[in-house]
Amino acid sequence: METLPISLAQLQGMIGMCLRWRGVDYAVVEVLEDGPALVAQSLVPNTAIQGDVHGRARREVQQVVVIPVLNLDKTLLHPEFLEIELL
């Protein structure tokens, strides 16, 4: 098994950290092990409108993004992950 450029323990240690990605401030809320990927929630309140089961807009929620950590070959850090600035 090859050594990954970052460990799951290191990624899990990022939960709760604040970061800036593509000009927006986020907080890391979860790590998806299958990928791996970071799940981050926007720190700006009410940035997206969420529909109900019938498709009607009902409430405003923070934007959630999934940021891939490794490239497709799982040998290098993904360019999107490298865009992260820790706050």
N, C-alpha and C. Protein backbone atom coordinates (compact mmCIF):
# COMPACT_ATOMS: atom_id res chain seq x y z
N MET A 1 0.84 -1.19 0.00
CA MET A 1 0.00 0.00 0.00
C MET A 1 0.88 1.24 0.00
N GLU A 2 0.56 2.19 -0.88
CA GLU A 2 1.35 3.41 -0.99
C GLU A 2 1.05 4.36 0.16
N THR A 3 2.03 5.19 0.48
CA THR A 3 1.84 6.20 1.50
C THR A 3 1.16 7.41 0.88
N LEU A 4 0.07 7.85 1.50
CA LEU A 4 -0.65 9.02 1.01
C LEU A 4 0.07 10.28 1.44
N PRO A 5 -0.07 11.37 0.67
CA PRO A 5 0.62 12.62 1.03
C PRO A 5 0.04 13.28 2.29
N ILE A 6 -1.14 12.83 2.76
CA ILE A 6 -1.75 13.35 3.98
C ILE A 6 -2.57 12.22 4.59
N SER A 7 -2.58 12.13 5.91
CA SER A 7 -3.28 11.03 6.57
C SER A 7 -4.71 11.43 6.93
N LEU A 8 -5.54 10.41 7.14
CA LEU A 8 -6.91 10.68 7.59
C LEU A 8 -6.91 11.34 8.95
N ALA A 9 -5.97 10.97 9.81
CA ALA A 9 -5.88 11.60 11.13
C ALA A 9 -5.60 13.10 11.00
N GLN A 10 -4.72 13.46 10.06
CA GLN A 10 -4.44 14.88 9.83
C GLN A 10 -5.68 15.60 9.32
N LEU A 11 -6.40 14.96 8.42
CA LEU A 11 -7.63 15.57 7.89
C LEU A 11 -8.69 15.70 8.98
N GLN A 12 -8.85 14.66 9.80
CA GLN A 12 -9.83 14.72 10.88
C GLN A 12 -9.47 15.80 11.89
N GLY A 13 -8.19 16.08 12.03
CA GLY A 13 -7.75 17.17 12.90
C GLY A 13 -8.17 18.54 12.37
N MET A 14 -8.58 18.60 11.12
CA MET A 14 -9.03 19.87 10.54
C MET A 14 -10.50 20.17 10.84
N ILE A 15 -11.23 19.20 11.38
CA ILE A 15 -12.64 19.44 11.70
C ILE A 15 -12.73 20.58 12.71
N GLY A 16 -13.56 21.54 12.39
CA GLY A 16 -13.73 22.72 13.23
C GLY A 16 -12.85 23.89 12.82
N MET A 17 -11.85 23.64 11.99
CA MET A 17 -10.97 24.72 11.54
C MET A 17 -11.70 25.60 10.53
N CYS A 18 -11.32 26.87 10.53
CA CYS A 18 -11.85 27.82 9.56
C CYS A 18 -10.86 27.96 8.42
N LEU A 19 -11.39 28.08 7.22
CA LEU A 19 -10.54 28.20 6.04
C LEU A 19 -11.20 29.12 5.02
N ARG A 20 -10.40 29.60 4.10
CA ARG A 20 -10.91 30.38 2.97
C ARG A 20 -10.62 29.56 1.72
N TRP A 21 -11.66 29.37 0.92
CA TRP A 21 -11.53 28.61 -0.31
C TRP A 21 -12.31 29.34 -1.39
N ARG A 22 -11.60 29.73 -2.43
CA ARG A 22 -12.19 30.46 -3.55
C ARG A 22 -12.90 31.73 -3.10
N GLY A 23 -12.28 32.41 -2.13
CA GLY A 23 -12.78 33.70 -1.69
C GLY A 23 -13.90 33.67 -0.67
N VAL A 24 -14.30 32.48 -0.22
CA VAL A 24 -15.39 32.35 0.75
C VAL A 24 -14.84 31.68 2.01
N ASP A 25 -15.29 32.15 3.18
CA ASP A 25 -14.86 31.57 4.45
C ASP A 25 -15.76 30.39 4.81
N TYR A 26 -15.14 29.29 5.24
CA TYR A 26 -15.84 28.06 5.59
C TYR A 26 -15.31 27.51 6.90
N ALA A 27 -16.08 26.61 7.51
CA ALA A 27 -15.63 25.80 8.63
C ALA A 27 -15.71 24.34 8.19
N VAL A 28 -14.68 23.57 8.48
CA VAL A 28 -14.68 22.14 8.14
C VAL A 28 -15.61 21.43 9.11
N VAL A 29 -16.60 20.71 8.58
CA VAL A 29 -17.58 20.03 9.43
C VAL A 29 -17.47 18.51 9.38
N GLU A 30 -16.78 17.98 8.36
CA GLU A 30 -16.69 16.53 8.25
C GLU A 30 -15.57 16.15 7.29
N VAL A 31 -15.07 14.94 7.45
CA VAL A 31 -14.10 14.38 6.51
C VAL A 31 -14.71 13.11 5.93
N LEU A 32 -14.78 13.06 4.61
CA LEU A 32 -15.24 11.85 3.94
C LEU A 32 -14.02 10.98 3.67
N GLU A 33 -14.01 9.80 4.28
CA GLU A 33 -12.84 8.93 4.16
C GLU A 33 -12.70 8.35 2.76
N ASP A 34 -13.83 8.12 2.10
CA ASP A 34 -13.77 7.56 0.75
C ASP A 34 -13.54 8.70 -0.23
N GLY A 35 -12.34 8.90 -0.58
CA GLY A 35 -11.99 10.03 -1.45
C GLY A 35 -10.52 10.36 -1.28
N PRO A 36 -10.08 10.82 -0.17
CA PRO A 36 -10.84 11.51 0.87
C PRO A 36 -11.24 12.92 0.41
N ALA A 37 -12.13 13.54 1.20
CA ALA A 37 -12.58 14.90 0.88
C ALA A 37 -12.98 15.60 2.17
N LEU A 38 -12.87 16.93 2.15
CA LEU A 38 -13.34 17.75 3.27
C LEU A 38 -14.73 18.26 2.94
N VAL A 39 -15.60 18.25 3.94
CA VAL A 39 -16.92 18.86 3.81
C VAL A 39 -16.85 20.14 4.63
N ALA A 40 -17.14 21.26 3.99
CA ALA A 40 -17.04 22.55 4.65
C ALA A 40 -18.34 23.33 4.48
N GLN A 41 -18.73 24.02 5.57
CA GLN A 41 -19.95 24.82 5.56
C GLN A 41 -19.59 26.29 5.59
N SER A 42 -20.27 27.07 4.76
CA SER A 42 -20.01 28.50 4.68
C SER A 42 -20.23 29.18 6.02
N LEU A 43 -19.38 30.13 6.35
CA LEU A 43 -19.54 30.91 7.57
C LEU A 43 -20.44 32.12 7.34
N VAL A 44 -20.78 32.37 6.08
CA VAL A 44 -21.70 33.46 5.75
C VAL A 44 -23.12 32.92 5.89
N PRO A 45 -23.94 33.50 6.77
CA PRO A 45 -25.28 32.94 6.98
C PRO A 45 -26.18 33.13 5.77
N ASN A 46 -27.07 32.16 5.61
CA ASN A 46 -28.15 32.24 4.62
C ASN A 46 -27.66 32.53 3.21
N THR A 47 -26.83 31.65 2.70
CA THR A 47 -26.27 31.88 1.37
C THR A 47 -26.94 31.06 0.28
N ALA A 48 -27.85 30.18 0.64
CA ALA A 48 -28.54 29.36 -0.37
C ALA A 48 -29.97 29.12 0.09
N ILE A 49 -30.88 28.99 -0.86
CA ILE A 49 -32.27 28.70 -0.53
C ILE A 49 -32.50 27.22 -0.79
N GLN A 50 -33.08 26.54 0.21
CA GLN A 50 -33.31 25.11 0.12
C GLN A 50 -34.79 24.85 -0.12
N GLY A 51 -35.07 24.00 -1.08
CA GLY A 51 -36.45 23.65 -1.37
C GLY A 51 -36.94 22.52 -0.49
N ASP A 52 -38.27 22.42 -0.34
CA ASP A 52 -38.85 21.31 0.40
C ASP A 52 -39.03 20.12 -0.54
N VAL A 53 -39.73 19.08 -0.08
CA VAL A 53 -39.87 17.87 -0.90
C VAL A 53 -40.67 18.11 -2.18
N HIS A 54 -41.40 19.23 -2.23
CA HIS A 54 -42.19 19.56 -3.41
C HIS A 54 -41.48 20.56 -4.31
N GLY A 55 -40.25 20.93 -3.95
CA GLY A 55 -39.47 21.84 -4.77
C GLY A 55 -39.72 23.31 -4.50
N ARG A 56 -40.53 23.61 -3.48
CA ARG A 56 -40.81 25.01 -3.15
C ARG A 56 -39.73 25.54 -2.21
N ALA A 57 -39.27 26.73 -2.51
CA ALA A 57 -38.24 27.35 -1.66
C ALA A 57 -38.84 27.66 -0.30
N ARG A 58 -38.21 27.13 0.76
CA ARG A 58 -38.77 27.28 2.10
C ARG A 58 -37.83 27.93 3.10
N ARG A 59 -36.54 27.66 3.02
CA ARG A 59 -35.64 28.19 4.04
C ARG A 59 -34.28 28.48 3.45
N GLU A 60 -33.58 29.36 4.14
CA GLU A 60 -32.23 29.71 3.73
C GLU A 60 -31.24 28.91 4.58
N VAL A 61 -30.22 28.39 3.93
CA VAL A 61 -29.21 27.58 4.63
C VAL A 61 -27.82 28.00 4.15
N GLN A 62 -26.82 27.66 4.95
CA GLN A 62 -25.45 27.93 4.53
C GLN A 62 -25.05 26.97 3.42
N GLN A 63 -24.21 27.47 2.55
CA GLN A 63 -23.69 26.65 1.45
C GLN A 63 -22.73 25.61 2.01
N VAL A 64 -22.81 24.40 1.49
CA VAL A 64 -21.90 23.32 1.87
C VAL A 64 -21.15 22.88 0.62
N VAL A 65 -19.83 22.72 0.75
CA VAL A 65 -19.01 22.28 -0.38
C VAL A 65 -18.21 21.04 0.02
N VAL A 66 -17.89 20.24 -0.97
CA VAL A 66 -17.02 19.08 -0.77
C VAL A 66 -15.74 19.36 -1.55
N ILE A 67 -14.62 19.38 -0.83
CA ILE A 67 -13.33 19.70 -1.43
C ILE A 67 -12.49 18.42 -1.50
N PRO A 68 -12.19 17.94 -2.70
CA PRO A 68 -11.37 16.72 -2.82
C PRO A 68 -9.96 16.97 -2.30
N VAL A 69 -9.40 15.96 -1.65
CA VAL A 69 -8.06 16.08 -1.05
C VAL A 69 -6.99 15.54 -1.99
N LEU A 70 -7.26 14.42 -2.64
CA LEU A 70 -6.26 13.78 -3.51
C LEU A 70 -6.71 13.79 -4.96
N ASN A 71 -5.73 13.72 -5.87
CA ASN A 71 -6.05 13.64 -7.30
C ASN A 71 -6.65 12.27 -7.62
N LEU A 72 -7.03 12.06 -8.86
CA LEU A 72 -7.68 10.81 -9.25
C LEU A 72 -6.81 9.58 -9.01
N ASP A 73 -5.50 9.74 -9.15
CA ASP A 73 -4.58 8.62 -8.93
C ASP A 73 -4.28 8.40 -7.45
N LYS A 74 -4.75 9.33 -6.59
CA LYS A 74 -4.52 9.27 -5.14
C LYS A 74 -3.03 9.28 -4.81
N THR A 75 -2.26 10.01 -5.62
CA THR A 75 -0.82 10.10 -5.38
C THR A 75 -0.38 11.49 -4.98
N LEU A 76 -1.15 12.50 -5.38
CA LEU A 76 -0.80 13.90 -5.10
C LEU A 76 -2.00 14.62 -4.52
N LEU A 77 -1.74 15.74 -3.86
CA LEU A 77 -2.83 16.57 -3.36
C LEU A 77 -3.58 17.19 -4.54
N HIS A 78 -4.88 17.24 -4.43
CA HIS A 78 -5.74 17.77 -5.49
C HIS A 78 -5.54 19.28 -5.60
N PRO A 79 -5.54 19.83 -6.82
CA PRO A 79 -5.38 21.28 -6.98
C PRO A 79 -6.42 22.10 -6.20
N GLU A 80 -7.65 21.59 -6.07
CA GLU A 80 -8.67 22.31 -5.29
C GLU A 80 -8.31 22.35 -3.81
N PHE A 81 -7.73 21.27 -3.30
CA PHE A 81 -7.31 21.24 -1.89
C PHE A 81 -6.16 22.23 -1.67
N LEU A 82 -5.31 22.36 -2.65
CA LEU A 82 -4.17 23.28 -2.53
C LEU A 82 -4.59 24.75 -2.55
N GLU A 83 -5.83 25.03 -2.96
CA GLU A 83 -6.34 26.40 -2.95
C GLU A 83 -6.75 26.87 -1.55
N ILE A 84 -6.82 25.96 -0.59
CA ILE A 84 -7.29 26.30 0.76
C ILE A 84 -6.29 27.21 1.47
N GLU A 85 -6.83 28.25 2.10
CA GLU A 85 -6.04 29.11 2.99
C GLU A 85 -6.60 28.92 4.40
N LEU A 86 -5.78 28.49 5.34
CA LEU A 86 -6.24 28.35 6.72
C LEU A 86 -6.36 29.72 7.35
N LEU A 87 -7.42 29.93 8.12
CA LEU A 87 -7.63 31.22 8.79
C LEU A 87 -7.25 31.12 10.25
